[in-house]
Amino acid sequence: MIALSLVCLLLALIVLAADALAGEPVRIGRQRQLFLDDFLIASASRLTRRVCRIEKHPGNPIVVREAEWEPLAYYLPTVIRDEEEGVWKLWADGDGSGVFYFISDDGIQ
């Protein structure tokens, strides 16, 4: 009975949150947006969603191990362009040994 009450409460909160969000526009500012779904798109005509093929950089690996304590491989990288600082930033899991952070002016070096 308690579990059913919690489910009902959760559903009610979801409905209330959806109603609250439906009335207010989402403020995205001047940032670029990645549209993988239609969440931020009110309407569209004569558009085609296209995902481009991934191309490896010919200089791979881009992050090269330089010291014994560095991991052999990096996984789950996240890369962003910091427009304020004018640099590329990369965070990656270092083969289970922690999270590593890299900064690059051009995204390659």
PDB file of N, CA and C in Angstrom:
ATOM      1  N   MET A   1       0.816  -1.192   0.000  1.00  0.00           N
ATOM      2  CA  MET A   1       0.000   0.000   0.000  1.00  0.00           C
ATOM      3  C   MET A   1       0.863   1.260   0.000  1.00  0.00           C
ATOM      4  N   ILE A   2       1.958   1.239   0.792  1.00  0.00           N
ATOM      5  CA  ILE A   2       2.839   2.396   0.858  1.00  0.00           C
ATOM      6  C   ILE A   2       3.518   2.615  -0.498  1.00  0.00           C
ATOM      7  N   ALA A   3       3.934   1.507  -1.132  1.00  0.00           N
ATOM      8  CA  ALA A   3       4.594   1.619  -2.436  1.00  0.00           C
ATOM      9  C   ALA A   3       3.649   2.233  -3.465  1.00  0.00           C
ATOM     10  N   LEU A   4       2.390   1.838  -3.447  1.00  0.00           N
ATOM     11  CA  LEU A   4       1.407   2.387  -4.376  1.00  0.00           C
ATOM     12  C   LEU A   4       1.201   3.879  -4.126  1.00  0.00           C
ATOM     13  N   SER A   5       1.166   4.282  -2.859  1.00  0.00           N
ATOM     14  CA  SER A   5       1.023   5.694  -2.518  1.00  0.00           C
ATOM     15  C   SER A   5       2.210   6.501  -3.010  1.00  0.00           C
ATOM     16  N   LEU A   6       3.409   5.947  -2.876  1.00  0.00           N
ATOM     17  CA  LEU A   6       4.609   6.633  -3.350  1.00  0.00           C
ATOM     18  C   LEU A   6       4.594   6.777  -4.871  1.00  0.00           C
ATOM     19  N   VAL A   7       4.133   5.761  -5.575  1.00  0.00           N
ATOM     20  CA  VAL A   7       4.033   5.823  -7.035  1.00  0.00           C
ATOM     21  C   VAL A   7       3.040   6.901  -7.441  1.00  0.00           C
ATOM     22  N   CYS A   8       1.902   6.953  -6.774  1.00  0.00           N
ATOM     23  CA  CYS A   8       0.895   7.980  -7.072  1.00  0.00           C
ATOM     24  C   CYS A   8       1.444   9.374  -6.808  1.00  0.00           C
ATOM     25  N   LEU A   9       2.156   9.534  -5.697  1.00  0.00           N
ATOM     26  CA  LEU A   9       2.753  10.822  -5.366  1.00  0.00           C
ATOM     27  C   LEU A   9       3.782  11.222  -6.426  1.00  0.00           C
ATOM     28  N   LEU A  10       4.615  10.282  -6.841  1.00  0.00           N
ATOM     29  CA  LEU A  10       5.622  10.548  -7.861  1.00  0.00           C
ATOM     30  C   LEU A  10       4.966  10.955  -9.178  1.00  0.00           C
ATOM     31  N   LEU A  11       3.917  10.262  -9.578  1.00  0.00           N
ATOM     32  CA  LEU A  11       3.209  10.607 -10.811  1.00  0.00           C
ATOM     33  C   LEU A  11       2.583  11.999 -10.715  1.00  0.00           C
ATOM     34  N   ALA A  12       2.036  12.332  -9.570  1.00  0.00           N
ATOM     35  CA  ALA A  12       1.441  13.654  -9.385  1.00  0.00           C
ATOM     36  C   ALA A  12       2.507  14.743  -9.497  1.00  0.00           C
ATOM     37  N   LEU A  13       3.673  14.511  -8.911  1.00  0.00           N
ATOM     38  CA  LEU A  13       4.763  15.482  -8.999  1.00  0.00           C
ATOM     39  C   LEU A  13       5.245  15.650 -10.439  1.00  0.00           C
ATOM     40  N   ILE A  14       5.306  14.565 -11.178  1.00  0.00           N
ATOM     41  CA  ILE A  14       5.711  14.633 -12.586  1.00  0.00           C
ATOM     42  C   ILE A  14       4.715  15.451 -13.389  1.00  0.00           C
ATOM     43  N   VAL A  15       3.435  15.232 -13.169  1.00  0.00           N
ATOM     44  CA  VAL A  15       2.400  15.977 -13.887  1.00  0.00           C
ATOM     45  C   VAL A  15       2.466  17.460 -13.537  1.00  0.00           C
ATOM     46  N   LEU A  16       2.642  17.776 -12.251  1.00  0.00           N
ATOM     47  CA  LEU A  16       2.747  19.176 -11.833  1.00  0.00           C
ATOM     48  C   LEU A  16       3.981  19.848 -12.432  1.00  0.00           C
ATOM     49  N   ALA A  17       5.089  19.146 -12.458  1.00  0.00           N
ATOM     50  CA  ALA A  17       6.313  19.710 -13.038  1.00  0.00           C
ATOM     51  C   ALA A  17       6.140  19.934 -14.531  1.00  0.00           C
ATOM     52  N   ALA A  18       5.508  18.992 -15.224  1.00  0.00           N
ATOM     53  CA  ALA A  18       5.283  19.141 -16.667  1.00  0.00           C
ATOM     54  C   ALA A  18       4.377  20.333 -16.946  1.00  0.00           C
ATOM     55  N   ASP A  19       3.344  20.513 -16.138  1.00  0.00           N
ATOM     56  CA  ASP A  19       2.455  21.669 -16.310  1.00  0.00           C
ATOM     57  C   ASP A  19       3.203  22.977 -16.074  1.00  0.00           C
ATOM     58  N   ALA A  20       4.058  23.001 -15.060  1.00  0.00           N
ATOM     59  CA  ALA A  20       4.820  24.219 -14.753  1.00  0.00           C
ATOM     60  C   ALA A  20       5.776  24.549 -15.891  1.00  0.00           C
ATOM     61  N   LEU A  21       6.434  23.537 -16.452  1.00  0.00           N
ATOM     62  CA  LEU A  21       7.372  23.770 -17.542  1.00  0.00           C
ATOM     63  C   LEU A  21       6.661  24.145 -18.838  1.00  0.00           C
ATOM     64  N   ALA A  22       5.458  23.637 -19.041  1.00  0.00           N
ATOM     65  CA  ALA A  22       4.738  23.900 -20.283  1.00  0.00           C
ATOM     66  C   ALA A  22       4.375  25.380 -20.423  1.00  0.00           C
ATOM     67  N   GLY A  23       4.169  26.066 -19.309  1.00  0.00           N
ATOM     68  CA  GLY A  23       3.766  27.459 -19.369  1.00  0.00           C
ATOM     69  C   GLY A  23       4.911  28.420 -19.609  1.00  0.00           C
ATOM     70  N   GLU A  24       6.130  28.048 -19.271  1.00  0.00           N
ATOM     71  CA  GLU A  24       7.280  28.938 -19.390  1.00  0.00           C
ATOM     72  C   GLU A  24       8.200  28.485 -20.516  1.00  0.00           C
ATOM     73  N   PRO A  25       8.681  29.419 -21.330  1.00  0.00           N
ATOM     74  CA  PRO A  25       9.642  29.026 -22.368  1.00  0.00           C
ATOM     75  C   PRO A  25      10.981  28.649 -21.745  1.00  0.00           C
ATOM     76  N   VAL A  26      11.689  27.749 -22.379  1.00  0.00           N
ATOM     77  CA  VAL A  26      13.004  27.341 -21.909  1.00  0.00           C
ATOM     78  C   VAL A  26      14.008  28.377 -22.397  1.00  0.00           C
ATOM     79  N   ARG A  27      14.759  28.936 -21.502  1.00  0.00           N
ATOM     80  CA  ARG A  27      15.750  29.957 -21.849  1.00  0.00           C
ATOM     81  C   ARG A  27      17.073  29.265 -22.191  1.00  0.00           C
ATOM     82  N   ILE A  28      17.467  29.325 -23.442  1.00  0.00           N
ATOM     83  CA  ILE A  28      18.720  28.687 -23.845  1.00  0.00           C
ATOM     84  C   ILE A  28      19.812  29.693 -24.160  1.00  0.00           C
ATOM     85  N   GLY A  29      19.480  30.977 -24.188  1.00  0.00           N
ATOM     86  CA  GLY A  29      20.486  31.998 -24.445  1.00  0.00           C
ATOM     87  C   GLY A  29      21.032  31.907 -25.866  1.00  0.00           C
ATOM     88  N   ARG A  30      22.316  32.208 -25.992  1.00  0.00           N
ATOM     89  CA  ARG A  30      22.946  32.185 -27.312  1.00  0.00           C
ATOM     90  C   ARG A  30      23.830  30.966 -27.498  1.00  0.00           C
ATOM     91  N   GLN A  31      23.689  29.984 -26.623  1.00  0.00           N
ATOM     92  CA  GLN A  31      24.500  28.774 -26.715  1.00  0.00           C
ATOM     93  C   GLN A  31      24.027  27.888 -27.860  1.00  0.00           C
ATOM     94  N   ARG A  32      24.962  27.153 -28.443  1.00  0.00           N
ATOM     95  CA  ARG A  32      24.592  26.161 -29.444  1.00  0.00           C
ATOM     96  C   ARG A  32      23.898  25.005 -28.746  1.00  0.00           C
ATOM     97  N   GLN A  33      22.962  24.381 -29.444  1.00  0.00           N
ATOM     98  CA  GLN A  33      22.195  23.284 -28.862  1.00  0.00           C
ATOM     99  C   GLN A  33      22.323  22.051 -29.746  1.00  0.00           C
ATOM    100  N   LEU A  34      22.399  20.893 -29.112  1.00  0.00           N
ATOM    101  CA  LEU A  34      22.413  19.622 -29.817  1.00  0.00           C
ATOM    102  C   LEU A  34      20.996  19.062 -29.780  1.00  0.00           C
ATOM    103  N   PHE A  35      20.333  18.998 -30.922  1.00  0.00           N
ATOM    104  CA  PHE A  35      18.939  18.572 -30.988  1.00  0.00           C
ATOM    105  C   PHE A  35      18.857  17.089 -31.324  1.00  0.00           C
ATOM    106  N   LEU A  36      18.872  16.241 -30.293  1.00  0.00           N
ATOM    107  CA  LEU A  36      18.720  14.808 -30.514  1.00  0.00           C
ATOM    108  C   LEU A  36      17.262  14.393 -30.447  1.00  0.00           C
ATOM    109  N   ASP A  37      16.443  15.258 -29.892  1.00  0.00           N
ATOM    110  CA  ASP A  37      15.008  14.983 -29.828  1.00  0.00           C
ATOM    111  C   ASP A  37      14.283  16.296 -30.107  1.00  0.00           C
ATOM    112  N   ASP A  38      12.984  16.319 -29.930  1.00  0.00           N
ATOM    113  CA  ASP A  38      12.194  17.509 -30.242  1.00  0.00           C
ATOM    114  C   ASP A  38      11.827  18.326 -29.004  1.00  0.00           C
ATOM    115  N   PHE A  39      12.552  18.145 -27.893  1.00  0.00           N
ATOM    116  CA  PHE A  39      12.202  18.812 -26.641  1.00  0.00           C
ATOM    117  C   PHE A  39      12.174  20.333 -26.788  1.00  0.00           C
ATOM    118  N   LEU A  40      13.161  20.919 -27.447  1.00  0.00           N
ATOM    119  CA  LEU A  40      13.239  22.376 -27.563  1.00  0.00           C
ATOM    120  C   LEU A  40      12.686  22.904 -28.885  1.00  0.00           C
ATOM    121  N   ILE A  41      12.144  22.034 -29.723  1.00  0.00           N
ATOM    122  CA  ILE A  41      11.678  22.440 -31.046  1.00  0.00           C
ATOM    123  C   ILE A  41      10.157  22.514 -31.044  1.00  0.00           C
ATOM    124  N   ALA A  42       9.620  23.719 -31.237  1.00  0.00           N
ATOM    125  CA  ALA A  42       8.167  23.906 -31.236  1.00  0.00           C
ATOM    126  C   ALA A  42       7.554  23.427 -32.546  1.00  0.00           C
ATOM    127  N   SER A  43       8.189  23.742 -33.663  1.00  0.00           N
ATOM    128  CA  SER A  43       7.681  23.300 -34.960  1.00  0.00           C
ATOM    129  C   SER A  43       8.838  23.271 -35.952  1.00  0.00           C
ATOM    130  N   ALA A  44       8.680  22.478 -36.996  1.00  0.00           N
ATOM    131  CA  ALA A  44       9.720  22.362 -38.022  1.00  0.00           C
ATOM    132  C   ALA A  44       9.083  21.967 -39.338  1.00  0.00           C
ATOM    133  N   SER A  45       9.555  22.571 -40.413  1.00  0.00           N
ATOM    134  CA  SER A  45       9.086  22.167 -41.738  1.00  0.00           C
ATOM    135  C   SER A  45      10.267  22.212 -42.697  1.00  0.00           C
ATOM    136  N   ARG A  46      10.265  21.340 -43.648  1.00  0.00           N
ATOM    137  CA  ARG A  46      11.322  21.216 -44.650  1.00  0.00           C
ATOM    138  C   ARG A  46      12.704  21.043 -44.018  1.00  0.00           C
ATOM    139  N   LEU A  47      12.748  20.295 -42.929  1.00  0.00           N
ATOM    140  CA  LEU A  47      14.005  20.002 -42.248  1.00  0.00           C
ATOM    141  C   LEU A  47      14.223  18.502 -42.203  1.00  0.00           C
ATOM    142  N   THR A  48      15.484  18.115 -42.217  1.00  0.00           N
ATOM    143  CA  THR A  48      15.842  16.706 -42.090  1.00  0.00           C
ATOM    144  C   THR A  48      16.874  16.585 -40.985  1.00  0.00           C
ATOM    145  N   ARG A  49      16.632  15.705 -40.040  1.00  0.00           N
ATOM    146  CA  ARG A  49      17.608  15.453 -38.986  1.00  0.00           C
ATOM    147  C   ARG A  49      18.646  14.491 -39.559  1.00  0.00           C
ATOM    148  N   ARG A  50      19.911  14.876 -39.438  1.00  0.00           N
ATOM    149  CA  ARG A  50      20.970  14.071 -40.026  1.00  0.00           C
ATOM    150  C   ARG A  50      22.100  13.941 -39.021  1.00  0.00           C
ATOM    151  N   VAL A  51      22.571  12.733 -38.815  1.00  0.00           N
ATOM    152  CA  VAL A  51      23.714  12.485 -37.944  1.00  0.00           C
ATOM    153  C   VAL A  51      24.887  12.144 -38.849  1.00  0.00           C
ATOM    154  N   CYS A  52      25.943  12.928 -38.736  1.00  0.00           N
ATOM    155  CA  CYS A  52      27.104  12.716 -39.592  1.00  0.00           C
ATOM    156  C   CYS A  52      27.965  11.569 -39.083  1.00  0.00           C
ATOM    157  N   ARG A  53      28.650  10.955 -39.997  1.00  0.00           N
ATOM    158  CA  ARG A  53      29.531   9.842 -39.668  1.00  0.00           C
ATOM    159  C   ARG A  53      30.743  10.352 -38.872  1.00  0.00           C
ATOM    160  N   ILE A  54      31.140   9.611 -37.876  1.00  0.00           N
ATOM    161  CA  ILE A  54      32.291   9.984 -37.050  1.00  0.00           C
ATOM    162  C   ILE A  54      33.570   9.678 -37.814  1.00  0.00           C
ATOM    163  N   GLU A  55      34.499  10.610 -37.759  1.00  0.00           N
ATOM    164  CA  GLU A  55      35.784  10.427 -38.416  1.00  0.00           C
ATOM    165  C   GLU A  55      36.894  10.531 -37.392  1.00  0.00           C
ATOM    166  N   LYS A  56      37.746   9.518 -37.303  1.00  0.00           N
ATOM    167  CA  LYS A  56      38.867   9.578 -36.378  1.00  0.00           C
ATOM    168  C   LYS A  56      39.892  10.586 -36.876  1.00  0.00           C
ATOM    169  N   HIS A  57      40.508  11.281 -35.951  1.00  0.00           N
ATOM    170  CA  HIS A  57      41.578  12.205 -36.319  1.00  0.00           C
ATOM    171  C   HIS A  57      42.789  11.385 -36.763  1.00  0.00           C
ATOM    172  N   PRO A  58      43.425  11.747 -37.862  1.00  0.00           N
ATOM    173  CA  PRO A  58      44.553  10.948 -38.356  1.00  0.00           C
ATOM    174  C   PRO A  58      45.747  10.915 -37.400  1.00  0.00           C
ATOM    175  N   GLY A  59      45.802  11.841 -36.452  1.00  0.00           N
ATOM    176  CA  GLY A  59      46.906  11.877 -35.495  1.00  0.00           C
ATOM    177  C   GLY A  59      46.655  11.069 -34.236  1.00  0.00           C
ATOM    178  N   ASN A  60      45.697  10.141 -34.246  1.00  0.00           N
ATOM    179  CA  ASN A  60      45.386   9.366 -33.045  1.00  0.00           C
ATOM    180  C   ASN A  60      46.581   8.540 -32.604  1.00  0.00           C
ATOM    181  N   PRO A  61      46.790   8.311 -31.318  1.00  0.00           N
ATOM    182  CA  PRO A  61      45.981   8.871 -30.241  1.00  0.00           C
ATOM    183  C   PRO A  61      46.323  10.335 -29.996  1.00  0.00           C
ATOM    184  N   ILE A  62      45.323  11.118 -29.678  1.00  0.00           N
ATOM    185  CA  ILE A  62      45.539  12.541 -29.446  1.00  0.00           C
ATOM    186  C   ILE A  62      46.186  12.774 -28.080  1.00  0.00           C
ATOM    187  N   VAL A  63      45.790  11.982 -27.083  1.00  0.00           N
ATOM    188  CA  VAL A  63      46.408  12.077 -25.761  1.00  0.00           C
ATOM    189  C   VAL A  63      47.433  10.954 -25.666  1.00  0.00           C
ATOM    190  N   VAL A  64      48.705  11.317 -25.568  1.00  0.00           N
ATOM    191  CA  VAL A  64      49.800  10.338 -25.551  1.00  0.00           C
ATOM    192  C   VAL A  64      50.355  10.227 -24.137  1.00  0.00           C
ATOM    193  N   ARG A  65      50.579   9.016 -23.705  1.00  0.00           N
ATOM    194  CA  ARG A  65      51.133   8.754 -22.380  1.00  0.00           C
ATOM    195  C   ARG A  65      52.576   9.229 -22.321  1.00  0.00           C
ATOM    196  N   GLU A  66      52.885  10.074 -21.335  1.00  0.00           N
ATOM    197  CA  GLU A  66      54.230  10.619 -21.207  1.00  0.00           C
ATOM    198  C   GLU A  66      54.938  10.200 -19.928  1.00  0.00           C
ATOM    199  N   ALA A  67      54.204   9.672 -18.942  1.00  0.00           N
ATOM    200  CA  ALA A  67      54.804   9.271 -17.666  1.00  0.00           C
ATOM    201  C   ALA A  67      54.237   7.929 -17.231  1.00  0.00           C
ATOM    202  N   GLU A  68      54.984   7.215 -16.394  1.00  0.00           N
ATOM    203  CA  GLU A  68      54.581   5.887 -15.917  1.00  0.00           C
ATOM    204  C   GLU A  68      53.250   5.898 -15.166  1.00  0.00           C
ATOM    205  N   TRP A  69      52.976   6.992 -14.433  1.00  0.00           N
ATOM    206  CA  TRP A  69      51.764   7.050 -13.619  1.00  0.00           C
ATOM    207  C   TRP A  69      50.515   7.305 -14.450  1.00  0.00           C
ATOM    208  N   GLU A  70      50.673   7.707 -15.716  1.00  0.00           N
ATOM    209  CA  GLU A  70      49.510   7.969 -16.561  1.00  0.00           C
ATOM    210  C   GLU A  70      48.891   6.666 -17.042  1.00  0.00           C
ATOM    211  N   PRO A  71      47.578   6.649 -17.219  1.00  0.00           N
ATOM    212  CA  PRO A  71      46.913   5.416 -17.662  1.00  0.00           C
ATOM    213  C   PRO A  71      47.265   5.067 -19.109  1.00  0.00           C
ATOM    214  N   LEU A  72      47.062   3.814 -19.467  1.00  0.00           N
ATOM    215  CA  LEU A  72      47.325   3.361 -20.831  1.00  0.00           C
ATOM    216  C   LEU A  72      46.243   3.828 -21.796  1.00  0.00           C
ATOM    217  N   ALA A  73      45.035   4.035 -21.285  1.00  0.00           N
ATOM    218  CA  ALA A  73      43.923   4.459 -22.150  1.00  0.00           C
ATOM    219  C   ALA A  73      42.973   5.353 -21.366  1.00  0.00           C
ATOM    220  N   TYR A  74      42.210   6.153 -22.117  1.00  0.00           N
ATOM    221  CA  TYR A  74      41.207   7.039 -21.534  1.00  0.00           C
ATOM    222  C   TYR A  74      39.846   6.646 -22.076  1.00  0.00           C
ATOM    223  N   TYR A  75      38.826   6.668 -21.212  1.00  0.00           N
ATOM    224  CA  TYR A  75      37.488   6.251 -21.606  1.00  0.00           C
ATOM    225  C   TYR A  75      36.472   7.342 -21.274  1.00  0.00           C
ATOM    226  N   LEU A  76      35.352   7.306 -21.963  1.00  0.00           N
ATOM    227  CA  LEU A  76      34.218   8.191 -21.737  1.00  0.00           C
ATOM    228  C   LEU A  76      34.625   9.666 -21.729  1.00  0.00           C
ATOM    229  N   PRO A  77      35.282  10.129 -22.790  1.00  0.00           N
ATOM    230  CA  PRO A  77      35.693  11.528 -22.800  1.00  0.00           C
ATOM    231  C   PRO A  77      34.515  12.478 -22.978  1.00  0.00           C
ATOM    232  N   THR A  78      34.631  13.653 -22.383  1.00  0.00           N
ATOM    233  CA  THR A  78      33.695  14.744 -22.582  1.00  0.00           C
ATOM    234  C   THR A  78      34.508  15.946 -23.014  1.00  0.00           C
ATOM    235  N   VAL A  79      34.186  16.506 -24.171  1.00  0.00           N
ATOM    236  CA  VAL A  79      34.936  17.631 -24.720  1.00  0.00           C
ATOM    237  C   VAL A  79      33.989  18.804 -24.921  1.00  0.00           C
ATOM    238  N   ILE A  80      34.405  19.973 -24.448  1.00  0.00           N
ATOM    239  CA  ILE A  80      33.623  21.189 -24.684  1.00  0.00           C
ATOM    240  C   ILE A  80      34.549  22.304 -25.128  1.00  0.00           C
ATOM    241  N   ARG A  81      33.997  23.257 -25.825  1.00  0.00           N
ATOM    242  CA  ARG A  81      34.725  24.464 -26.218  1.00  0.00           C
ATOM    243  C   ARG A  81      34.327  25.555 -25.233  1.00  0.00           C
ATOM    244  N   ASP A  82      35.282  26.080 -24.487  1.00  0.00           N
ATOM    245  CA  ASP A  82      35.039  27.168 -23.550  1.00  0.00           C
ATOM    246  C   ASP A  82      35.270  28.464 -24.315  1.00  0.00           C
ATOM    247  N   GLU A  83      34.190  29.086 -24.758  1.00  0.00           N
ATOM    248  CA  GLU A  83      34.280  30.296 -25.581  1.00  0.00           C
ATOM    249  C   GLU A  83      34.869  31.474 -24.797  1.00  0.00           C
ATOM    250  N   GLU A  84      34.588  31.554 -23.506  1.00  0.00           N
ATOM    251  CA  GLU A  84      35.116  32.655 -22.694  1.00  0.00           C
ATOM    252  C   GLU A  84      36.639  32.607 -22.611  1.00  0.00           C
ATOM    253  N   GLU A  85      37.180  31.409 -22.395  1.00  0.00           N
ATOM    254  CA  GLU A  85      38.631  31.263 -22.274  1.00  0.00           C
ATOM    255  C   GLU A  85      39.300  30.993 -23.617  1.00  0.00           C
ATOM    256  N   GLY A  86      38.505  30.640 -24.639  1.00  0.00           N
ATOM    257  CA  GLY A  86      39.054  30.371 -25.963  1.00  0.00           C
ATOM    258  C   GLY A  86      39.842  29.079 -26.052  1.00  0.00           C
ATOM    259  N   VAL A  87      39.449  28.072 -25.255  1.00  0.00           N
ATOM    260  CA  VAL A  87      40.164  26.791 -25.250  1.00  0.00           C
ATOM    261  C   VAL A  87      39.185  25.627 -25.312  1.00  0.00           C
ATOM    262  N   TRP A  88      39.728  24.467 -25.665  1.00  0.00           N
ATOM    263  CA  TRP A  88      38.979  23.209 -25.613  1.00  0.00           C
ATOM    264  C   TRP A  88      39.323  22.525 -24.297  1.00  0.00           C
ATOM    265  N   LYS A  89      38.316  21.910 -23.662  1.00  0.00           N
ATOM    266  CA  LYS A  89      38.531  21.209 -22.398  1.00  0.00           C
ATOM    267  C   LYS A  89      38.044  19.772 -22.536  1.00  0.00           C
ATOM    268  N   LEU A  90      38.840  18.837 -22.018  1.00  0.00           N
ATOM    269  CA  LEU A  90      38.499  17.414 -22.095  1.00  0.00           C
ATOM    270  C   LEU A  90      38.621  16.789 -20.722  1.00  0.00           C
ATOM    271  N   TRP A  91      37.595  16.055 -20.332  1.00  0.00           N
ATOM    272  CA  TRP A  91      37.619  15.246 -19.119  1.00  0.00           C
ATOM    273  C   TRP A  91      37.452  13.801 -19.559  1.00  0.00           C
ATOM    274  N   ALA A  92      38.225  12.881 -18.966  1.00  0.00           N
ATOM    275  CA  ALA A  92      38.113  11.466 -19.339  1.00  0.00           C
ATOM    276  C   ALA A  92      38.480  10.582 -18.162  1.00  0.00           C
ATOM    277  N   ASP A  93      37.880   9.386 -18.121  1.00  0.00           N
ATOM    278  CA  ASP A  93      38.213   8.380 -17.118  1.00  0.00           C
ATOM    279  C   ASP A  93      39.543   7.756 -17.532  1.00  0.00           C
ATOM    280  N   GLY A  94      40.501   7.766 -16.647  1.00  0.00           N
ATOM    281  CA  GLY A  94      41.830   7.249 -16.950  1.00  0.00           C
ATOM    282  C   GLY A  94      41.976   5.797 -16.614  1.00  0.00           C
ATOM    283  N   ASP A  95      41.308   4.920 -17.366  1.00  0.00           N
ATOM    284  CA  ASP A  95      41.479   3.478 -17.208  1.00  0.00           C
ATOM    285  C   ASP A  95      41.149   3.027 -15.779  1.00  0.00           C
ATOM    286  N   GLY A  96      40.182   3.708 -15.157  1.00  0.00           N
ATOM    287  CA  GLY A  96      39.774   3.362 -13.798  1.00  0.00           C
ATOM    288  C   GLY A  96      40.640   3.987 -12.723  1.00  0.00           C
ATOM    289  N   SER A  97      41.647   4.788 -13.102  1.00  0.00           N
ATOM    290  CA  SER A  97      42.558   5.353 -12.101  1.00  0.00           C
ATOM    291  C   SER A  97      42.210   6.786 -11.719  1.00  0.00           C
ATOM    292  N   GLY A  98      41.073   7.288 -12.169  1.00  0.00           N
ATOM    293  CA  GLY A  98      40.666   8.636 -11.833  1.00  0.00           C
ATOM    294  C   GLY A  98      40.224   9.400 -13.060  1.00  0.00           C
ATOM    295  N   VAL A  99      39.783  10.624 -12.846  1.00  0.00           N
ATOM    296  CA  VAL A  99      39.346  11.473 -13.948  1.00  0.00           C
ATOM    297  C   VAL A  99      40.492  12.426 -14.291  1.00  0.00           C
ATOM    298  N   PHE A 100      40.785  12.544 -15.576  1.00  0.00           N
ATOM    299  CA  PHE A 100      41.866  13.399 -16.052  1.00  0.00           C
ATOM    300  C   PHE A 100      41.282  14.573 -16.824  1.00  0.00           C
ATOM    301  N   TYR A 101      41.959  15.707 -16.730  1.00  0.00           N
ATOM    302  CA  TYR A 101      41.489  16.958 -17.318  1.00  0.00           C
ATOM    303  C   TYR A 101      42.578  17.518 -18.222  1.00  0.00           C
ATOM    304  N   PHE A 102      42.202  17.847 -19.467  1.00  0.00           N
ATOM    305  CA  PHE A 102      43.150  18.365 -20.436  1.00  0.00           C
ATOM    306  C   PHE A 102      42.611  19.688 -21.001  1.00  0.00           C
ATOM    307  N   ILE A 103      43.526  20.596 -21.360  1.00  0.00           N
ATOM    308  CA  ILE A 103      43.157  21.869 -21.995  1.00  0.00           C
ATOM    309  C   ILE A 103      43.968  22.008 -23.266  1.00  0.00           C
ATOM    310  N   SER A 104      43.311  22.509 -24.338  1.00  0.00           N
ATOM    311  CA  SER A 104      43.985  22.677 -25.619  1.00  0.00           C
ATOM    312  C   SER A 104      43.498  23.952 -26.303  1.00  0.00           C
ATOM    313  N   ASP A 105      44.410  24.666 -26.934  1.00  0.00           N
ATOM    314  CA  ASP A 105      44.033  25.862 -27.678  1.00  0.00           C
ATOM    315  C   ASP A 105      43.323  25.522 -28.977  1.00  0.00           C
ATOM    316  N   ASP A 106      43.740  24.430 -29.640  1.00  0.00           N
ATOM    317  CA  ASP A 106      43.186  24.089 -30.943  1.00  0.00           C
ATOM    318  C   ASP A 106      42.370  22.804 -30.960  1.00  0.00           C
ATOM    319  N   GLY A 107      42.274  22.111 -29.840  1.00  0.00           N
ATOM    320  CA  GLY A 107      41.513  20.853 -29.793  1.00  0.00           C
ATOM    321  C   GLY A 107      42.311  19.659 -30.248  1.00  0.00           C
ATOM    322  N   ILE A 108      43.572  19.864 -30.606  1.00  0.00           N
ATOM    323  CA  ILE A 108      44.418  18.757 -31.067  1.00  0.00           C
ATOM    324  C   ILE A 108      45.691  18.662 -30.228  1.00  0.00           C
ATOM    325  N   GLN A 109      46.384  19.775 -30.050  1.00  0.00           N
ATOM    326  CA  GLN A 109      47.643  19.774 -29.292  1.00  0.00           C
ATOM    327  C   GLN A 109      47.392  20.052 -27.827  1.00  0.00           C
TER     328      GLN A 109
END
